[in-house]
Amino acid sequence: MAENKIKGTSLFSPYKMGKFSLSHRVVLAPMTRCRALFGIPGDALVEYYTQRSTPGGLVITEGTLISPTAPGFPHVPGIYSDAQVEAWKKVVDAVHAKGSIIFCQLWHVGRASHQVYQPGGAAPISSTNKAISSRWRILMPDGTYGTYPAPRALGTSEILEVVEHYSQAALNAIRADPWGSWLPYRPILKGWDQ
C-alpha cells in the first residue's frame, strides 16, 4: 500500500536545480556526525558519503566549519585550511565517481560553543553576550556534558570578519568541488557588502 503512495509522487522524478540535473528528488540531508579527527575529513567520511551516493543524486555534507572559531562539537570537519580542502577533494571525487552531486553545508555554531573549542580558550563569539539556557548541555571533548558559557558579542567590524570567513569557506568548497557549493545563509547575506 505504501508503494502505491510513493508511485503517485514526484519523489523519483528528475529535477532541474539550477545548472544541475537530478535523476530523483531523494537528497541526503546534512547530519553532523563528529567523525573528522582534528577537523580533517578522513576515510570514514569518504565511505559514509559514497555509501549514500546514487547516480543523479544530491548529497549535502554535514555542517562544515568555516573557521577555527566555528566549532561547538568535537571532531567536526572544517574547510578553512588547505589540509581540509585537500581531504574534502577525496570525498568529492568518491561521490562524483558514484554519479552524485555534493554540496557543502558551511557552518559556524556561534554561541553554541565552549571555550574548550575556541582558539586560546576564548569565549565563543555571537551576536549577543547572553549564554544559552543552563537547561541545555554541550558535549565536551572527553564525552561529558557541560553548560554553555556566556559568549562574547561581536562588534560590527568583527561581524564582517565572520562574513569573510563564510566567503573564504565558500571559495574553498569550490576548490574542493568545482561543481558547486552551498552557502546556507546566502539570502540573509545578500548585499552585506553594499
Protein backbone atom coordinates (compact mmCIF):
# COMPACT_ATOMS: atom_id res chain seq x y z
CA MET A 1 0.00 0.00 0.00
CA ALA A 2 2.83 2.42 0.83
CA GLU A 3 4.42 1.60 -2.53
CA ASN A 4 1.32 2.89 -4.35
CA LYS A 5 1.51 6.17 -2.44
CA ILE A 6 5.15 6.64 -3.43
CA LYS A 7 4.43 5.91 -7.10
CA GLY A 8 1.98 8.81 -7.17
CA THR A 9 4.59 11.34 -6.01
CA SER A 10 7.38 13.12 -7.84
CA LEU A 11 10.00 11.70 -5.45
CA PHE A 12 11.62 9.63 -8.18
CA SER A 13 11.09 12.16 -10.97
CA PRO A 14 14.00 14.10 -12.49
CA TYR A 15 14.50 17.65 -11.26
CA LYS A 16 16.44 20.57 -12.74
CA MET A 17 18.16 22.52 -9.97
CA GLY A 18 19.98 25.49 -11.46
CA LYS A 19 22.81 24.05 -13.54
CA PHE A 20 22.34 20.59 -12.04
CA SER A 21 20.06 17.83 -13.30
CA LEU A 22 18.98 15.38 -10.62
CA SER A 23 17.65 11.93 -11.54
CA HIS A 24 15.37 11.93 -8.50
CA ARG A 25 14.47 14.10 -5.50
CA VAL A 26 15.88 11.91 -2.73
CA VAL A 27 18.53 14.04 -1.02
CA LEU A 28 20.98 13.20 1.75
CA ALA A 29 20.32 15.91 4.31
CA PRO A 30 23.17 17.31 6.42
CA MET A 31 23.82 15.32 9.59
CA THR A 32 26.78 16.27 11.76
CA ARG A 33 28.49 13.06 12.82
CA CYS A 34 31.66 14.18 14.69
CA ARG A 35 33.96 11.75 12.86
CA ALA A 36 36.65 14.03 11.44
CA LEU A 37 39.65 13.83 13.74
CA PHE A 38 41.33 17.22 14.09
CA GLY A 39 38.71 18.68 11.73
CA ILE A 40 40.05 16.82 8.69
CA PRO A 41 37.76 14.51 6.71
CA GLY A 42 39.20 11.00 6.56
CA ASP A 43 38.37 7.59 5.17
CA ALA A 44 35.26 7.27 7.36
CA LEU A 45 33.72 10.32 5.64
CA VAL A 46 34.71 9.08 2.19
CA GLU A 47 32.94 5.79 2.95
CA TYR A 48 29.89 7.45 4.56
CA TYR A 49 29.17 9.82 1.67
CA THR A 50 29.99 7.25 -1.01
CA GLN A 51 27.56 4.74 0.52
CA ARG A 52 24.81 7.35 0.28
CA SER A 53 25.55 8.48 -3.27
CA THR A 54 23.39 7.43 -6.22
CA PRO A 55 23.58 8.34 -9.91
CA GLY A 56 21.98 11.75 -10.36
CA GLY A 57 21.52 12.18 -6.60
CA LEU A 58 22.30 15.10 -4.31
CA VAL A 59 24.37 14.82 -1.14
CA ILE A 60 24.61 17.73 1.31
CA THR A 61 27.54 17.42 3.69
CA GLU A 62 27.33 17.66 7.42
CA GLY A 63 27.92 21.08 8.95
CA THR A 64 31.43 22.03 7.84
CA LEU A 65 33.30 24.62 9.89
CA ILE A 66 34.25 27.90 8.25
CA SER A 67 36.96 28.97 10.71
CA PRO A 68 38.79 28.00 13.91
CA THR A 69 36.13 29.90 15.92
CA ALA A 70 33.26 27.94 14.34
CA PRO A 71 33.21 24.62 16.29
CA GLY A 72 30.94 23.61 19.13
CA PHE A 73 31.43 19.84 18.96
CA PRO A 74 34.46 17.55 18.83
CA HIS A 75 35.72 16.13 15.53
CA VAL A 76 33.61 18.21 13.14
CA PRO A 77 35.15 18.70 9.68
CA GLY A 78 36.29 22.12 8.57
CA ILE A 79 37.01 23.70 5.22
CA TYR A 80 39.19 26.65 6.25
CA SER A 81 42.66 25.09 5.87
CA ASP A 82 44.47 23.70 2.85
CA ALA A 83 44.71 20.27 4.52
CA GLN A 84 40.91 20.23 4.98
CA VAL A 85 40.29 21.26 1.37
CA GLU A 86 42.61 18.51 0.12
CA ALA A 87 40.82 15.95 2.32
CA TRP A 88 37.40 17.08 1.04
CA LYS A 89 38.64 16.55 -2.54
CA LYS A 90 38.87 12.81 -1.77
CA VAL A 91 35.26 12.80 -0.54
CA VAL A 92 34.09 14.80 -3.55
CA ASP A 93 35.91 12.58 -6.04
CA ALA A 94 34.40 9.43 -4.47
CA VAL A 95 30.87 10.92 -4.54
CA HIS A 96 31.27 12.05 -8.15
CA ALA A 97 32.54 8.58 -9.09
CA LYS A 98 29.13 7.26 -7.97
CA GLY A 99 27.40 9.89 -10.16
CA SER A 100 26.16 12.15 -7.34
CA ILE A 101 26.41 15.88 -6.82
CA ILE A 102 27.73 17.06 -3.45
CA PHE A 103 27.20 20.43 -1.80
CA CYS A 104 28.99 21.65 1.32
CA GLN A 105 26.95 22.98 4.24
CA LEU A 106 29.04 25.83 5.61
CA TRP A 107 28.68 26.26 9.35
CA HIS A 108 29.53 28.41 12.37
CA VAL A 109 27.82 27.44 15.63
CA GLY A 110 28.06 30.92 17.18
CA ARG A 111 27.31 30.91 20.89
CA ALA A 112 26.52 27.17 20.89
CA SER A 113 30.15 26.51 21.74
CA HIS A 114 32.53 26.40 24.69
CA GLN A 115 35.99 27.78 25.46
CA VAL A 116 37.50 24.28 25.01
CA TYR A 117 36.67 24.53 21.30
CA GLN A 118 37.90 28.10 20.83
CA PRO A 119 41.40 29.29 19.93
CA GLY A 120 43.29 30.27 23.07
CA GLY A 121 40.35 29.25 25.27
CA ALA A 122 38.46 32.44 24.38
CA ALA A 123 34.73 32.84 24.89
CA PRO A 124 32.61 31.75 21.91
CA ILE A 125 31.59 34.59 19.60
CA SER A 126 27.99 35.54 18.92
CA SER A 127 25.62 38.37 18.12
CA THR A 128 24.81 38.51 21.85
CA ASN A 129 26.58 38.13 25.19
CA LYS A 130 23.71 36.05 26.57
CA ALA A 131 24.50 32.40 27.29
CA ILE A 132 22.31 29.53 26.13
CA SER A 133 19.95 28.40 28.90
CA SER A 134 21.55 26.16 31.54
CA ARG A 135 18.87 23.54 30.86
CA TRP A 136 20.78 22.76 27.63
CA ARG A 137 24.11 20.94 27.72
CA ILE A 138 27.11 20.90 25.42
CA LEU A 139 29.12 17.78 24.53
CA MET A 140 32.68 18.18 25.75
CA PRO A 141 35.72 16.61 24.03
CA ASP A 142 36.02 13.98 26.79
CA GLY A 143 32.44 12.78 26.24
CA THR A 144 30.96 14.50 29.30
CA TYR A 145 28.42 17.32 29.14
CA GLY A 146 28.91 20.88 30.33
CA THR A 147 26.98 24.13 30.44
CA TYR A 148 27.24 26.76 27.75
CA PRO A 149 29.35 29.76 28.82
CA ALA A 150 28.45 33.37 28.14
CA PRO A 151 29.63 34.26 24.64
CA ARG A 152 31.33 37.46 23.61
CA ALA A 153 29.17 39.72 21.45
CA LEU A 154 30.89 40.71 18.23
CA GLY A 155 31.43 44.29 17.21
CA THR A 156 30.33 45.47 13.77
CA SER A 157 33.74 45.03 12.16
CA GLU A 158 34.02 41.53 13.63
CA ILE A 159 30.70 40.54 12.07
CA LEU A 160 32.20 41.41 8.69
CA GLU A 161 35.15 39.12 9.53
CA VAL A 162 32.73 36.21 10.06
CA VAL A 163 31.07 37.03 6.74
CA GLU A 164 34.53 36.99 5.17
CA HIS A 165 35.15 33.56 6.75
CA TYR A 166 31.95 32.31 5.09
CA SER A 167 33.09 33.79 1.80
CA GLN A 168 36.52 32.17 2.02
CA ALA A 169 34.98 28.84 3.06
CA ALA A 170 32.70 29.01 0.00
CA LEU A 171 35.74 29.60 -2.20
CA ASN A 172 37.48 26.67 -0.50
CA ALA A 173 34.44 24.48 -1.14
CA ILE A 174 34.65 25.41 -4.81
CA ARG A 175 38.36 24.48 -4.77
CA ALA A 176 37.38 21.09 -3.34
CA ASP A 177 34.48 20.68 -5.77
CA PRO A 178 34.28 22.94 -8.82
CA TRP A 179 30.73 21.63 -9.42
CA GLY A 180 29.36 23.87 -6.69
CA SER A 181 28.96 24.58 -3.00
CA TRP A 182 26.15 25.63 -0.74
CA LEU A 183 26.10 28.70 1.46
CA PRO A 184 23.19 28.20 3.88
CA TYR A 185 22.59 31.84 4.69
CA ARG A 186 23.00 33.32 1.22
CA PRO A 187 19.61 35.14 1.22
CA ILE A 188 20.44 36.72 4.58
CA LEU A 189 23.90 37.84 3.47
CA LYS A 190 22.87 39.12 0.04
CA GLY A 191 24.11 42.67 -0.31
CA TRP A 192 26.01 42.66 3.00
CA ASP A 193 28.94 44.48 1.44
CA GLN A 194 26.94 47.15 -0.39
